[in-house]
C-alpha atoms as a PDB file:
ATOM      1  CA  MET A   1      -9.912  -6.079   8.351  1.00  0.00           C
ATOM      2  CA  ILE A   2      -8.657  -4.995   4.924  1.00  0.00           C
ATOM      3  CA  ILE A   3      -5.139  -4.574   6.281  1.00  0.00           C
ATOM      4  CA  VAL A   4      -5.172  -8.029   7.873  1.00  0.00           C
ATOM      5  CA  ALA A   5      -6.438  -9.599   4.653  1.00  0.00           C
ATOM      6  CA  ALA A   6      -3.737  -7.824   2.633  1.00  0.00           C
ATOM      7  CA  PHE A   7      -1.085  -8.968   5.112  1.00  0.00           C
ATOM      8  CA  LEU A   8      -2.205 -12.594   4.976  1.00  0.00           C
ATOM      9  CA  LEU A   9      -2.410 -12.568   1.176  1.00  0.00           C
ATOM     10  CA  CYS A  10       1.086 -11.058   0.908  1.00  0.00           C
ATOM     11  CA  ALA A  11       2.445 -13.617   3.364  1.00  0.00           C
ATOM     12  CA  ALA A  12       0.836 -16.482   1.433  1.00  0.00           C
ATOM     13  CA  LEU A  13       2.282 -15.271  -1.866  1.00  0.00           C
ATOM     14  CA  LEU A  14       5.717 -14.810  -0.327  1.00  0.00           C
ATOM     15  CA  ALA A  15       5.567 -18.275   1.245  1.00  0.00           C
ATOM     16  CA  ALA A  16       4.620 -19.750  -2.125  1.00  0.00           C
ATOM     17  CA  GLY A  17       7.636 -17.990  -3.590  1.00  0.00           C
ATOM     18  CA  LYS A  18       9.900 -19.771  -1.089  1.00  0.00           C
ATOM     19  CA  ASN A  19      10.735 -16.658   0.920  1.00  0.00           C
ATOM     20  CA  PRO A  20      12.467 -17.778   4.142  1.00  0.00           C
ATOM     21  CA  ARG A  21      10.620 -15.155   6.240  1.00  0.00           C
ATOM     22  CA  PRO A  22       7.240 -14.490   4.588  1.00  0.00           C
ATOM     23  CA  PHE A  23       5.562 -12.869   7.601  1.00  0.00           C
ATOM     24  CA  ALA A  24       8.387 -10.394   8.180  1.00  0.00           C
ATOM     25  CA  ALA A  25       8.513  -9.473   4.492  1.00  0.00           C
ATOM     26  CA  ALA A  26       4.725  -9.079   4.335  1.00  0.00           C
ATOM     27  CA  ALA A  27       4.706  -6.907   7.455  1.00  0.00           C
ATOM     28  CA  GLY A  28       7.417  -4.710   5.959  1.00  0.00           C
ATOM     29  CA  SER A  29       5.491  -4.296   2.726  1.00  0.00           C
ATOM     30  CA  VAL A  30       2.227  -3.447   4.506  1.00  0.00           C
ATOM     31  CA  VAL A  31       3.894  -0.942   6.836  1.00  0.00           C
ATOM     32  CA  ALA A  32       5.826   0.713   4.008  1.00  0.00           C
ATOM     33  CA  GLY A  33       2.716   1.040   1.841  1.00  0.00           C
ATOM     34  CA  LEU A  34       0.600   2.500   4.629  1.00  0.00           C
ATOM     35  CA  ALA A  35       3.421   4.869   5.614  1.00  0.00           C
ATOM     36  CA  ALA A  36       3.654   6.070   2.005  1.00  0.00           C
ATOM     37  CA  LEU A  37      -0.111   6.631   1.895  1.00  0.00           C
ATOM     38  CA  LEU A  38       0.094   8.562   5.159  1.00  0.00           C
ATOM     39  CA  ALA A  39       2.964  10.669   3.817  1.00  0.00           C
ATOM     40  CA  VAL A  40       1.006  11.508   0.658  1.00  0.00           C
ATOM     41  CA  SER A  41      -2.034  12.429   2.742  1.00  0.00           C
ATOM     42  CA  LEU A  42      -0.061  14.603   5.162  1.00  0.00           C
ATOM     43  CA  THR A  43       1.842  16.476   2.456  1.00  0.00           C
ATOM     44  CA  GLY A  44      -1.185  16.911   0.201  1.00  0.00           C
ATOM     45  CA  SER A  45      -1.840  20.462   1.358  1.00  0.00           C
ATOM     46  CA  PHE A  46       1.731  21.475   0.431  1.00  0.00           C
ATOM     47  CA  THR A  47       2.061  19.604  -2.843  1.00  0.00           C
ATOM     48  CA  GLY A  48      -1.499  19.740  -4.119  1.00  0.00           C
ATOM     49  CA  VAL A  49      -1.441  15.981  -4.664  1.00  0.00           C
ATOM     50  CA  SER A  50      -3.731  13.909  -2.480  1.00  0.00           C
ATOM     51  CA  LEU A  51      -5.402  10.534  -2.338  1.00  0.00           C
ATOM     52  CA  PRO A  52      -8.707   9.891  -0.605  1.00  0.00           C
ATOM     53  CA  ILE A  53      -8.555   7.563   2.374  1.00  0.00           C
ATOM     54  CA  CYS A  54     -11.081   4.852   1.522  1.00  0.00           C
ATOM     55  CA  PRO A  55     -11.058   1.040   1.627  1.00  0.00           C
ATOM     56  CA  VAL A  56      -9.734   0.796  -1.941  1.00  0.00           C
ATOM     57  CA  THR A  57      -6.703   3.029  -1.363  1.00  0.00           C
ATOM     58  CA  VAL A  58      -5.917   1.455   2.003  1.00  0.00           C
ATOM     59  CA  GLY A  59      -6.192  -2.044   0.522  1.00  0.00           C
ATOM     60  CA  ALA A  60      -4.038  -1.235  -2.488  1.00  0.00           C
ATOM     61  CA  SER A  61      -1.453   0.471  -0.306  1.00  0.00           C
ATOM     62  CA  ALA A  62      -1.339  -2.410   2.155  1.00  0.00           C
ATOM     63  CA  PHE A  63      -1.252  -5.168  -0.463  1.00  0.00           C
ATOM     64  CA  LEU A  64       1.000  -3.574  -3.085  1.00  0.00           C
ATOM     65  CA  GLY A  65       3.192  -1.413  -0.833  1.00  0.00           C
ATOM     66  CA  ILE A  66       4.961   1.651  -2.188  1.00  0.00           C
ATOM     67  CA  PRO A  67       4.448   0.652  -5.850  1.00  0.00           C
ATOM     68  CA  GLY A  68       0.719   0.519  -5.106  1.00  0.00           C
ATOM     69  CA  VAL A  69       0.725   4.082  -3.778  1.00  0.00           C
ATOM     70  CA  THR A  70       2.693   5.207  -6.823  1.00  0.00           C
ATOM     71  CA  THR A  71       0.169   3.496  -9.109  1.00  0.00           C
ATOM     72  CA  LEU A  72      -2.717   5.167  -7.277  1.00  0.00           C
ATOM     73  CA  LEU A  73      -1.034   8.559  -7.718  1.00  0.00           C
ATOM     74  CA  LEU A  74      -0.499   7.938 -11.434  1.00  0.00           C
ATOM     75  CA  LEU A  75      -4.117   6.834 -11.868  1.00  0.00           C
ATOM     76  CA  ASN A  76      -5.236   9.935  -9.990  1.00  0.00           C
ATOM     77  CA  LEU A  77      -3.133  12.071 -12.337  1.00  0.00           C
ATOM     78  CA  ILE A  78      -4.446  10.377 -15.489  1.00  0.00           C
ATOM     79  CA  PHE A  79      -8.136  10.323 -14.638  1.00  0.00           C
ATOM     80  CA  LEU A  80      -8.487  13.700 -12.956  1.00  0.00           C
END
């Protein structure tokens, strides 16, 4: 449900910004963000860097895409 909400919000913002294909762009952003979160989670045992899989991280990754995952990693570095 969080992923669907993030997708619809991204699509609405892209449509408001006059993007000719808001649903395709939103789908690309959501998939890229979730793929980046999955990559961080899978490589966490090798790199020592990990993010917990919870509704907040999934939502931020889906809504913000790759920059959202990068921001979560930086916040994890600063506050831990």
